[in-house]
C-alpha cells in the first residue's frame, strides 16, 4: 500500500515537471514524442537504480523498459529538465548495465 502511494506521488511529480516545462510539446516531432509520458512511466522500475548515491543494479523490469524504449527515447528523457531524486549520470549508464549498448546521446 505504501509503495503504491509513493509510486503514484512520484509519477504525478514527474508528469508535472515535464508538462510545466513544455518538454512534452517540444518532443512531438521526435520518434517517441507521442509516447513521451508513457516512456517516462515505463522507466519507473529504474528509479531505485538512479536515486542519488544508489549502488543498486537495474532490475529485469528496468532493463526490459530500457531495451523496449531504445536510445532515441532515452536521450529525450536524459536531455529533459532535472527530475527530483534522479541522478542523471546514473541514468545515462543504465543502457550499459542492461546490456543495451546504445550509442551515447549527442
PDB file of N, CA and C in Angstrom:
ATOM      1  N   UNK A   1       0.823  -1.189   0.000  1.00  0.00           N
ATOM      2  CA  UNK A   1       0.000   0.000   0.000  1.00  0.00           C
ATOM      3  C   UNK A   1       0.869   1.257   0.000  1.00  0.00           C
ATOM      4  N   UNK A   2       1.866   1.323   0.875  1.00  0.00           N
ATOM      5  CA  UNK A   2       2.741   2.486   0.950  1.00  0.00           C
ATOM      6  C   UNK A   2       3.555   2.618  -0.328  1.00  0.00           C
ATOM      7  N   UNK A   3       4.027   1.491  -0.869  1.00  0.00           N
ATOM      8  CA  UNK A   3       4.811   1.519  -2.099  1.00  0.00           C
ATOM      9  C   UNK A   3       3.975   2.077  -3.248  1.00  0.00           C
ATOM     10  N   UNK A   4       2.723   1.670  -3.343  1.00  0.00           N
ATOM     11  CA  UNK A   4       1.846   2.154  -4.411  1.00  0.00           C
ATOM     12  C   UNK A   4       1.619   3.645  -4.288  1.00  0.00           C
ATOM     13  N   UNK A   5       1.439   4.149  -3.076  1.00  0.00           N
ATOM     14  CA  UNK A   5       1.233   5.592  -2.891  1.00  0.00           C
ATOM     15  C   UNK A   5       2.486   6.361  -3.294  1.00  0.00           C
ATOM     16  N   UNK A   6       3.657   5.844  -2.935  1.00  0.00           N
ATOM     17  CA  UNK A   6       4.899   6.507  -3.327  1.00  0.00           C
ATOM     18  C   UNK A   6       5.043   6.508  -4.841  1.00  0.00           C
ATOM     19  N   UNK A   7       4.692   5.400  -5.473  1.00  0.00           N
ATOM     20  CA  UNK A   7       4.743   5.288  -6.928  1.00  0.00           C
ATOM     21  C   UNK A   7       3.834   6.332  -7.554  1.00  0.00           C
ATOM     22  N   UNK A   8       2.630   6.477  -7.034  1.00  0.00           N
ATOM     23  CA  UNK A   8       1.686   7.438  -7.577  1.00  0.00           C
ATOM     24  C   UNK A   8       2.182   8.862  -7.391  1.00  0.00           C
ATOM     25  N   UNK A   9       2.717   9.175  -6.229  1.00  0.00           N
ATOM     26  CA  UNK A   9       3.229  10.521  -5.958  1.00  0.00           C
ATOM     27  C   UNK A   9       4.403  10.818  -6.883  1.00  0.00           C
ATOM     28  N   UNK A  10       5.302   9.862  -7.029  1.00  0.00           N
ATOM     29  CA  UNK A  10       6.460  10.032  -7.902  1.00  0.00           C
ATOM     30  C   UNK A  10       6.024  10.271  -9.344  1.00  0.00           C
ATOM     31  N   UNK A  11       5.087   9.480  -9.811  1.00  0.00           N
ATOM     32  CA  UNK A  11       4.604   9.601 -11.185  1.00  0.00           C
ATOM     33  C   UNK A  11       3.962  10.967 -11.417  1.00  0.00           C
ATOM     34  N   UNK A  12       3.140  11.403 -10.497  1.00  0.00           N
ATOM     35  CA  UNK A  12       2.482  12.708 -10.627  1.00  0.00           C
ATOM     36  C   UNK A  12       3.522  13.825 -10.633  1.00  0.00           C
ATOM     37  N   UNK A  13       4.522  13.729  -9.768  1.00  0.00           N
ATOM     38  CA  UNK A  13       5.572  14.752  -9.722  1.00  0.00           C
ATOM     39  C   UNK A  13       6.311  14.818 -11.052  1.00  0.00           C
ATOM     40  N   UNK A  14       6.648  13.668 -11.608  1.00  0.00           N
ATOM     41  CA  UNK A  14       7.357  13.647 -12.880  1.00  0.00           C
ATOM     42  C   UNK A  14       6.517  14.254 -13.992  1.00  0.00           C
ATOM     43  N   UNK A  15       5.261  13.889 -14.035  1.00  0.00           N
ATOM     44  CA  UNK A  15       4.379  14.424 -15.066  1.00  0.00           C
ATOM     45  C   UNK A  15       4.260  15.932 -14.957  1.00  0.00           C
ATOM     46  N   UNK A  16       4.165  16.445 -13.743  1.00  0.00           N
ATOM     47  CA  UNK A  16       4.050  17.891 -13.530  1.00  0.00           C
ATOM     48  C   UNK A  16       5.298  18.606 -14.034  1.00  0.00           C
ATOM     49  N   UNK A  17       6.466  18.045 -13.745  1.00  0.00           N
ATOM     50  CA  UNK A  17       7.716  18.668 -14.181  1.00  0.00           C
ATOM     51  C   UNK A  17       7.758  18.769 -15.697  1.00  0.00           C
ATOM     52  N   UNK A  18       7.412  17.686 -16.379  1.00  0.00           N
ATOM     53  CA  UNK A  18       7.500  17.685 -17.830  1.00  0.00           C
ATOM     54  C   UNK A  18       6.418  18.534 -18.486  1.00  0.00           C
ATOM     55  N   UNK A  19       5.232  18.518 -17.969  1.00  0.00           N
ATOM     56  CA  UNK A  19       4.171  19.322 -18.553  1.00  0.00           C
ATOM     57  C   UNK A  19       4.456  20.799 -18.334  1.00  0.00           C
ATOM     58  N   UNK A  20       4.888  21.175 -17.134  1.00  0.00           N
ATOM     59  CA  UNK A  20       5.169  22.577 -16.848  1.00  0.00           C
ATOM     60  C   UNK A  20       6.359  23.087 -17.651  1.00  0.00           C
ATOM     61  N   UNK A  21       7.308  22.222 -17.904  1.00  0.00           N
ATOM     62  CA  UNK A  21       8.498  22.660 -18.634  1.00  0.00           C
ATOM     63  C   UNK A  21       8.235  22.839 -20.120  1.00  0.00           C
ATOM     64  N   UNK A  22       7.128  22.284 -20.598  1.00  0.00           N
ATOM     65  CA  UNK A  22       6.834  22.373 -22.021  1.00  0.00           C
ATOM     66  C   UNK A  22       7.576  21.330 -22.829  1.00  0.00           C
ATOM     67  N   UNK A  23       8.313  20.458 -22.170  1.00  0.00           N
ATOM     68  CA  UNK A  23       9.103  19.464 -22.872  1.00  0.00           C
ATOM     69  C   UNK A  23       8.224  18.508 -23.664  1.00  0.00           C
ATOM     70  N   UNK A  24       7.051  18.217 -23.164  1.00  0.00           N
ATOM     71  CA  UNK A  24       6.160  17.315 -23.885  1.00  0.00           C
ATOM     72  C   UNK A  24       5.843  17.896 -25.254  1.00  0.00           C
ATOM     73  N   UNK A  25       5.549  19.154 -25.320  1.00  0.00           N
ATOM     74  CA  UNK A  25       5.219  19.813 -26.574  1.00  0.00           C
ATOM     75  C   UNK A  25       6.437  19.835 -27.497  1.00  0.00           C
ATOM     76  N   UNK A  26       7.634  20.047 -26.956  1.00  0.00           N
ATOM     77  CA  UNK A  26       8.845  20.143 -27.755  1.00  0.00           C
ATOM     78  C   UNK A  26       9.233  18.809 -28.382  1.00  0.00           C
ATOM     79  N   UNK A  27       8.822  17.702 -27.811  1.00  0.00           N
ATOM     80  CA  UNK A  27       9.258  16.404 -28.305  1.00  0.00           C
ATOM     81  C   UNK A  27       8.285  15.789 -29.288  1.00  0.00           C
ATOM     82  N   UNK A  28       7.226  16.475 -29.667  1.00  0.00           N
ATOM     83  CA  UNK A  28       6.239  15.879 -30.562  1.00  0.00           C
ATOM     84  C   UNK A  28       6.825  15.479 -31.908  1.00  0.00           C
ATOM     85  N   UNK A  29       7.865  16.155 -32.377  1.00  0.00           N
ATOM     86  CA  UNK A  29       8.480  15.795 -33.630  1.00  0.00           C
ATOM     87  C   UNK A  29       9.457  14.638 -33.497  1.00  0.00           C
ATOM     88  N   UNK A  30       9.772  14.258 -32.314  1.00  0.00           N
ATOM     89  CA  UNK A  30      10.721  13.183 -32.055  1.00  0.00           C
ATOM     90  C   UNK A  30      10.026  11.832 -32.174  1.00  0.00           C
ATOM     91  N   UNK A  31      10.751  10.770 -32.556  1.00  0.00           N
ATOM     92  CA  UNK A  31      10.132   9.447 -32.717  1.00  0.00           C
ATOM     93  C   UNK A  31       9.337   8.961 -31.504  1.00  0.00           C
ATOM     94  N   UNK A  32       9.723   9.342 -30.313  1.00  0.00           N
ATOM     95  CA  UNK A  32       8.961   8.870 -29.148  1.00  0.00           C
ATOM     96  C   UNK A  32       8.117   9.996 -28.558  1.00  0.00           C
ATOM     97  N   UNK A  33       7.946  11.087 -29.263  1.00  0.00           N
ATOM     98  CA  UNK A  33       7.196  12.235 -28.751  1.00  0.00           C
ATOM     99  C   UNK A  33       5.777  11.917 -28.348  1.00  0.00           C
ATOM    100  N   UNK A  34       5.100  11.082 -29.131  1.00  0.00           N
ATOM    101  CA  UNK A  34       3.715  10.757 -28.808  1.00  0.00           C
ATOM    102  C   UNK A  34       3.607   9.826 -27.615  1.00  0.00           C
ATOM    103  N   UNK A  35       4.680   9.160 -27.278  1.00  0.00           N
ATOM    104  CA  UNK A  35       4.659   8.229 -26.153  1.00  0.00           C
ATOM    105  C   UNK A  35       5.552   8.711 -25.023  1.00  0.00           C
ATOM    106  N   UNK A  36       5.844   9.999 -24.989  1.00  0.00           N
ATOM    107  CA  UNK A  36       6.786  10.536 -24.003  1.00  0.00           C
ATOM    108  C   UNK A  36       6.384  10.207 -22.575  1.00  0.00           C
ATOM    109  N   UNK A  37       5.148  10.514 -22.220  1.00  0.00           N
ATOM    110  CA  UNK A  37       4.704  10.251 -20.851  1.00  0.00           C
ATOM    111  C   UNK A  37       4.662   8.757 -20.572  1.00  0.00           C
ATOM    112  N   UNK A  38       4.278   7.991 -21.562  1.00  0.00           N
ATOM    113  CA  UNK A  38       4.278   6.540 -21.425  1.00  0.00           C
ATOM    114  C   UNK A  38       5.702   6.039 -21.195  1.00  0.00           C
ATOM    115  N   UNK A  39       6.660   6.601 -21.938  1.00  0.00           N
ATOM    116  CA  UNK A  39       8.060   6.208 -21.772  1.00  0.00           C
ATOM    117  C   UNK A  39       8.534   6.514 -20.362  1.00  0.00           C
ATOM    118  N   UNK A  40       8.173   7.672 -19.871  1.00  0.00           N
ATOM    119  CA  UNK A  40       8.568   8.063 -18.527  1.00  0.00           C
ATOM    120  C   UNK A  40       7.999   7.103 -17.491  1.00  0.00           C
ATOM    121  N   UNK A  41       6.756   6.747 -17.650  1.00  0.00           N
ATOM    122  CA  UNK A  41       6.116   5.822 -16.713  1.00  0.00           C
ATOM    123  C   UNK A  41       6.744   4.434 -16.809  1.00  0.00           C
ATOM    124  N   UNK A  42       7.092   4.007 -18.022  1.00  0.00           N
ATOM    125  CA  UNK A  42       7.722   2.696 -18.181  1.00  0.00           C
ATOM    126  C   UNK A  42       9.058   2.614 -17.464  1.00  0.00           C
ATOM    127  N   UNK A  43       9.713   3.731 -17.263  1.00  0.00           N
ATOM    128  CA  UNK A  43      11.017   3.729 -16.615  1.00  0.00           C
ATOM    129  C   UNK A  43      10.945   3.809 -15.092  1.00  0.00           C
ATOM    130  N   UNK A  44       9.762   3.842 -14.538  1.00  0.00           N
ATOM    131  CA  UNK A  44       9.625   3.897 -13.084  1.00  0.00           C
ATOM    132  C   UNK A  44      10.342   2.726 -12.400  1.00  0.00           C
ATOM    133  N   UNK A  45      10.354   1.493 -12.956  1.00  0.00           N
ATOM    134  CA  UNK A  45      11.095   0.417 -12.290  1.00  0.00           C
ATOM    135  C   UNK A  45      12.599   0.698 -12.166  1.00  0.00           C
ATOM    136  N   UNK A  46      13.090   1.675 -12.909  1.00  0.00           N
ATOM    137  CA  UNK A  46      14.517   2.019 -12.855  1.00  0.00           C
ATOM    138  C   UNK A  46      14.838   2.970 -11.706  1.00  0.00           C
ATOM    139  N   UNK A  47      13.836   3.539 -11.097  1.00  0.00           N
ATOM    140  CA  UNK A  47      14.050   4.560 -10.076  1.00  0.00           C
ATOM    141  C   UNK A  47      15.018   4.172  -8.968  1.00  0.00           C
ATOM    142  N   UNK A  48      14.932   2.956  -8.397  1.00  0.00           N
ATOM    143  CA  UNK A  48      15.888   2.623  -7.332  1.00  0.00           C
ATOM    144  C   UNK A  48      17.341   2.651  -7.806  1.00  0.00           C
ATOM    145  N   UNK A  49      17.564   2.396  -9.073  1.00  0.00           N
ATOM    146  CA  UNK A  49      18.926   2.365  -9.613  1.00  0.00           C
ATOM    147  C   UNK A  49      19.473   3.741  -9.965  1.00  0.00           C
ATOM    148  N   UNK A  50      18.608   4.733 -10.045  1.00  0.00           N
ATOM    149  CA  UNK A  50      19.061   6.067 -10.430  1.00  0.00           C
ATOM    150  C   UNK A  50      18.889   7.106  -9.322  1.00  0.00           C
ATOM    151  N   UNK A  51      18.503   6.636  -8.147  1.00  0.00           N
ATOM    152  CA  UNK A  51      18.415   7.546  -6.998  1.00  0.00           C
ATOM    153  C   UNK A  51      19.832   8.012  -6.657  1.00  0.00           C
ATOM    154  N   UNK A  52      19.982   9.258  -6.225  1.00  0.00           N
ATOM    155  CA  UNK A  52      21.322   9.746  -5.882  1.00  0.00           C
ATOM    156  C   UNK A  52      22.055   8.793  -4.941  1.00  0.00           C
ATOM    157  N   UNK A  53      23.307   8.519  -5.258  1.00  0.00           N
ATOM    158  CA  UNK A  53      24.218   7.674  -4.483  1.00  0.00           C
ATOM    159  C   UNK A  53      23.808   6.199  -4.475  1.00  0.00           C
ATOM    160  N   UNK A  54      22.922   5.798  -5.367  1.00  0.00           N
ATOM    161  CA  UNK A  54      22.470   4.413  -5.419  1.00  0.00           C
ATOM    162  C   UNK A  54      23.581   3.498  -5.929  1.00  0.00           C
ATOM    163  N   UNK A  55      23.650   2.320  -5.342  1.00  0.00           N
ATOM    164  CA  UNK A  55      24.575   1.295  -5.820  1.00  0.00           C
ATOM    165  C   UNK A  55      23.804   0.081  -6.331  1.00  0.00           C
ATOM    166  N   UNK A  56      22.475   0.215  -6.408  1.00  0.00           N
ATOM    167  CA  UNK A  56      21.639  -0.895  -6.869  1.00  0.00           C
ATOM    168  C   UNK A  56      21.748  -1.066  -8.381  1.00  0.00           C
ATOM    169  N   UNK A  57      21.839  -2.293  -8.809  1.00  0.00           N
ATOM    170  CA  UNK A  57      21.825  -2.598 -10.240  1.00  0.00           C
ATOM    171  C   UNK A  57      20.390  -2.535 -10.741  1.00  0.00           C
ATOM    172  N   UNK A  58      20.195  -2.206 -12.010  1.00  0.00           N
ATOM    173  CA  UNK A  58      18.832  -2.182 -12.538  1.00  0.00           C
ATOM    174  C   UNK A  58      18.207  -3.579 -12.524  1.00  0.00           C
ATOM    175  N   UNK A  59      16.923  -3.636 -12.205  1.00  0.00           N
ATOM    176  CA  UNK A  59      16.235  -4.931 -12.170  1.00  0.00           C
ATOM    177  C   UNK A  59      15.780  -5.317 -13.579  1.00  0.00           C
ATOM    178  N   UNK A  60      15.190  -6.498 -13.693  1.00  0.00           N
ATOM    179  CA  UNK A  60      14.772  -7.014 -15.003  1.00  0.00           C
ATOM    180  C   UNK A  60      13.723  -6.124 -15.672  1.00  0.00           C
ATOM    181  N   UNK A  61      12.776  -5.610 -14.879  1.00  0.00           N
ATOM    182  CA  UNK A  61      11.745  -4.730 -15.457  1.00  0.00           C
ATOM    183  C   UNK A  61      12.366  -3.453 -16.020  1.00  0.00           C
ATOM    184  N   UNK A  62      13.329  -2.924 -15.305  1.00  0.00           N
ATOM    185  CA  UNK A  62      14.016  -1.714 -15.753  1.00  0.00           C
ATOM    186  C   UNK A  62      14.737  -1.987 -17.070  1.00  0.00           C
ATOM    187  N   UNK A  63      15.500  -3.059 -17.135  1.00  0.00           N
ATOM    188  CA  UNK A  63      16.260  -3.380 -18.351  1.00  0.00           C
ATOM    189  C   UNK A  63      15.333  -3.655 -19.525  1.00  0.00           C
ATOM    190  N   UNK A  64      14.221  -4.303 -19.273  1.00  0.00           N
ATOM    191  CA  UNK A  64      13.255  -4.556 -20.347  1.00  0.00           C
ATOM    192  C   UNK A  64      12.717  -3.231 -20.884  1.00  0.00           C
ATOM    193  N   UNK A  65      12.437  -2.293 -19.996  1.00  0.00           N
ATOM    194  CA  UNK A  65      11.936  -0.978 -20.420  1.00  0.00           C
ATOM    195  C   UNK A  65      12.997  -0.228 -21.222  1.00  0.00           C
ATOM    196  N   UNK A  66      14.235  -0.276 -20.767  1.00  0.00           N
ATOM    197  CA  UNK A  66      15.343   0.383 -21.473  1.00  0.00           C
ATOM    198  C   UNK A  66      15.447  -0.149 -22.897  1.00  0.00           C
ATOM    199  N   UNK A  67      15.437  -1.464 -23.029  1.00  0.00           N
ATOM    200  CA  UNK A  67      15.583  -2.088 -24.352  1.00  0.00           C
ATOM    201  C   UNK A  67      14.378  -1.812 -25.244  1.00  0.00           C
ATOM    202  N   UNK A  68      13.199  -1.774 -24.666  1.00  0.00           N
ATOM    203  CA  UNK A  68      11.988  -1.512 -25.442  1.00  0.00           C
ATOM    204  C   UNK A  68      11.949  -0.070 -25.937  1.00  0.00           C
ATOM    205  N   UNK A  69      12.300   0.864 -25.090  1.00  0.00           N
ATOM    206  CA  UNK A  69      12.231   2.274 -25.460  1.00  0.00           C
ATOM    207  C   UNK A  69      13.275   2.653 -26.497  1.00  0.00           C
ATOM    208  N   UNK A  70      14.462   2.126 -26.353  1.00  0.00           N
ATOM    209  CA  UNK A  70      15.528   2.422 -27.304  1.00  0.00           C
ATOM    210  C   UNK A  70      16.242   3.730 -27.026  1.00  0.00           C
ATOM    211  N   UNK A  71      17.310   3.931 -27.720  1.00  0.00           N
ATOM    212  CA  UNK A  71      18.194   5.073 -27.497  1.00  0.00           C
ATOM    213  C   UNK A  71      17.545   6.423 -27.766  1.00  0.00           C
ATOM    214  N   UNK A  72      16.758   6.612 -28.848  1.00  0.00           N
ATOM    215  CA  UNK A  72      16.194   7.944 -29.086  1.00  0.00           C
ATOM    216  C   UNK A  72      15.306   8.437 -27.936  1.00  0.00           C
ATOM    217  N   UNK A  73      14.457   7.567 -27.414  1.00  0.00           N
ATOM    218  CA  UNK A  73      13.574   7.974 -26.318  1.00  0.00           C
ATOM    219  C   UNK A  73      14.360   8.242 -25.043  1.00  0.00           C
ATOM    220  N   UNK A  74      15.349   7.426 -24.782  1.00  0.00           N
ATOM    221  CA  UNK A  74      16.155   7.635 -23.578  1.00  0.00           C
ATOM    222  C   UNK A  74      16.907   8.962 -23.647  1.00  0.00           C
ATOM    223  N   UNK A  75      17.361   9.329 -24.822  1.00  0.00           N
ATOM    224  CA  UNK A  75      18.066  10.603 -24.963  1.00  0.00           C
ATOM    225  C   UNK A  75      17.125  11.780 -24.739  1.00  0.00           C
ATOM    226  N   UNK A  76      15.885  11.678 -25.215  1.00  0.00           N
ATOM    227  CA  UNK A  76      14.909  12.743 -24.978  1.00  0.00           C
ATOM    228  C   UNK A  76      14.694  12.903 -23.479  1.00  0.00           C
ATOM    229  N   UNK A  77      14.540  11.795 -22.783  1.00  0.00           N
ATOM    230  CA  UNK A  77      14.337  11.854 -21.335  1.00  0.00           C
ATOM    231  C   UNK A  77      15.584  12.380 -20.627  1.00  0.00           C
ATOM    232  N   UNK A  78      16.753  11.946 -21.088  1.00  0.00           N
ATOM    233  CA  UNK A  78      18.005  12.351 -20.445  1.00  0.00           C
ATOM    234  C   UNK A  78      18.294  13.836 -20.620  1.00  0.00           C
ATOM    235  N   UNK A  79      17.869  14.404 -21.739  1.00  0.00           N
ATOM    236  CA  UNK A  79      18.146  15.814 -22.013  1.00  0.00           C
ATOM    237  C   UNK A  79      17.074  16.743 -21.446  1.00  0.00           C
ATOM    238  N   UNK A  80      16.037  16.169 -20.858  1.00  0.00           N
ATOM    239  CA  UNK A  80      14.957  16.973 -20.299  1.00  0.00           C
ATOM    240  C   UNK A  80      15.374  17.681 -19.023  1.00  0.00           C
ATOM    241  N   UNK A  81      14.428  18.342 -18.406  1.00  0.00           N
ATOM    242  CA  UNK A  81      14.729  19.057 -17.162  1.00  0.00           C
ATOM    243  C   UNK A  81      15.102  18.074 -16.060  1.00  0.00           C
ATOM    244  N   UNK A  82      15.813  18.552 -15.050  1.00  0.00           N
ATOM    245  CA  UNK A  82      16.187  17.680 -13.940  1.00  0.00           C
ATOM    246  C   UNK A  82      14.945  17.078 -13.279  1.00  0.00           C
ATOM    247  N   UNK A  83      15.080  15.857 -12.819  1.00  0.00           N
ATOM    248  CA  UNK A  83      13.997  15.166 -12.134  1.00  0.00           C
ATOM    249  C   UNK A  83      14.434  14.956 -10.691  1.00  0.00           C
ATOM    250  N   UNK A  84      13.638  15.437  -9.770  1.00  0.00           N
ATOM    251  CA  UNK A  84      13.965  15.307  -8.356  1.00  0.00           C
ATOM    252  C   UNK A  84      14.145  13.839  -8.003  1.00  0.00           C
ATOM    253  N   UNK A  85      15.252  13.522  -7.349  1.00  0.00           N
ATOM    254  CA  UNK A  85      15.500  12.154  -6.908  1.00  0.00           C
ATOM    255  C   UNK A  85      16.114  11.261  -7.958  1.00  0.00           C
ATOM    256  N   UNK A  86      16.544  11.845  -9.091  1.00  0.00           N
ATOM    257  CA  UNK A  86      17.162  11.051 -10.152  1.00  0.00           C
ATOM    258  C   UNK A  86      18.550  11.622 -10.460  1.00  0.00           C
ATOM    259  N   UNK A  87      19.559  10.765 -10.336  1.00  0.00           N
ATOM    260  CA  UNK A  87      20.926  11.132 -10.691  1.00  0.00           C
ATOM    261  C   UNK A  87      21.085  10.883 -12.189  1.00  0.00           C
ATOM    262  N   UNK A  88      21.208  11.941 -12.948  1.00  0.00           N
ATOM    263  CA  UNK A  88      21.265  11.835 -14.408  1.00  0.00           C
ATOM    264  C   UNK A  88      22.451  10.999 -14.883  1.00  0.00           C
ATOM    265  N   UNK A  89      23.580  11.093 -14.205  1.00  0.00           N
ATOM    266  CA  UNK A  89      24.746  10.302 -14.590  1.00  0.00           C
ATOM    267  C   UNK A  89      24.450   8.814 -14.445  1.00  0.00           C
ATOM    268  N   UNK A  90      23.830   8.432 -13.327  1.00  0.00           N
ATOM    269  CA  UNK A  90      23.452   7.030 -13.144  1.00  0.00           C
ATOM    270  C   UNK A  90      22.449   6.604 -14.215  1.00  0.00           C
ATOM    271  N   UNK A  91      21.522   7.479 -14.540  1.00  0.00           N
ATOM    272  CA  UNK A  91      20.511   7.157 -15.543  1.00  0.00           C
ATOM    273  C   UNK A  91      21.139   6.912 -16.910  1.00  0.00           C
ATOM    274  N   UNK A  92      22.140   7.706 -17.260  1.00  0.00           N
ATOM    275  CA  UNK A  92      22.788   7.545 -18.560  1.00  0.00           C
ATOM    276  C   UNK A  92      23.604   6.260 -18.654  1.00  0.00           C
ATOM    277  N   UNK A  93      23.932   5.663 -17.513  1.00  0.00           N
ATOM    278  CA  UNK A  93      24.679   4.400 -17.502  1.00  0.00           C
ATOM    279  C   UNK A  93      23.772   3.167 -17.538  1.00  0.00           C
ATOM    280  N   UNK A  94      22.461   3.367 -17.427  1.00  0.00           N
ATOM    281  CA  UNK A  94      21.541   2.224 -17.416  1.00  0.00           C
ATOM    282  C   UNK A  94      21.634   1.345 -18.662  1.00  0.00           C
ATOM    283  N   UNK A  95      21.692   1.906 -19.878  1.00  0.00           N
ATOM    284  CA  UNK A  95      21.765   1.020 -21.044  1.00  0.00           C
ATOM    285  C   UNK A  95      22.953   0.057 -20.987  1.00  0.00           C
ATOM    286  N   UNK A  96      24.101   0.536 -20.586  1.00  0.00           N
ATOM    287  CA  UNK A  96      25.277  -0.328 -20.478  1.00  0.00           C
ATOM    288  C   UNK A  96      25.110  -1.400 -19.423  1.00  0.00           C
ATOM    289  N   UNK A  97      24.503  -1.035 -18.302  1.00  0.00           N
ATOM    290  CA  UNK A  97      24.277  -2.002 -17.231  1.00  0.00           C
ATOM    291  C   UNK A  97      23.235  -3.039 -17.626  1.00  0.00           C
ATOM    292  N   UNK A  98      22.393  -2.702 -18.587  1.00  0.00           N
ATOM    293  CA  UNK A  98      21.342  -3.612 -19.052  1.00  0.00           C
ATOM    294  C   UNK A  98      21.743  -4.317 -20.348  1.00  0.00           C
ATOM    295  N   UNK A  99      22.993  -4.217 -20.742  1.00  0.00           N
ATOM    296  CA  UNK A  99      23.487  -4.826 -21.979  1.00  0.00           C
ATOM    297  C   UNK A  99      22.709  -4.341 -23.200  1.00  0.00           C
ATOM    298  N   UNK A 100      22.312  -3.094 -23.176  1.00  0.00           N
ATOM    299  CA  UNK A 100      21.662  -2.460 -24.326  1.00  0.00           C
ATOM    300  C   UNK A 100      22.644  -1.399 -24.813  1.00  0.00           C
ATOM    301  N   UNK A 101      23.641  -1.796 -25.522  1.00  0.00           N
ATOM    302  CA  UNK A 101      24.752  -0.926 -25.886  1.00  0.00           C
ATOM    303  C   UNK A 101      24.361   0.097 -26.942  1.00  0.00           C
ATOM    304  N   UNK A 102      23.631   1.115 -26.499  1.00  0.00           N
ATOM    305  CA  UNK A 102      23.228   2.210 -27.386  1.00  0.00           C
ATOM    306  C   UNK A 102      24.389   3.196 -27.512  1.00  0.00           C
ATOM    307  N   UNK A 103      24.452   3.918 -28.621  1.00  0.00           N
ATOM    308  CA  UNK A 103      25.438   4.987 -28.711  1.00  0.00           C
ATOM    309  C   UNK A 103      25.088   6.092 -27.722  1.00  0.00           C
ATOM    310  N   UNK A 104      26.059   6.861 -27.280  1.00  0.00           N
ATOM    311  CA  UNK A 104      25.759   7.943 -26.325  1.00  0.00           C
ATOM    312  C   UNK A 104      24.847   8.992 -26.937  1.00  0.00           C
ATOM    313  N   UNK A 105      24.136   9.704 -26.096  1.00  0.00           N
ATOM    314  CA  UNK A 105      23.268  10.796 -26.544  1.00  0.00           C
ATOM    315  C   UNK A 105      24.148  11.953 -26.986  1.00  0.00           C
ATOM    316  N   UNK A 106      23.762  12.603 -28.064  1.00  0.00           N
ATOM    317  CA  UNK A 106      24.528  13.776 -28.565  1.00  0.00           C
ATOM    318  C   UNK A 106      24.226  14.982 -27.747  1.00  0.00           C
TER     319      UNK A 106
END
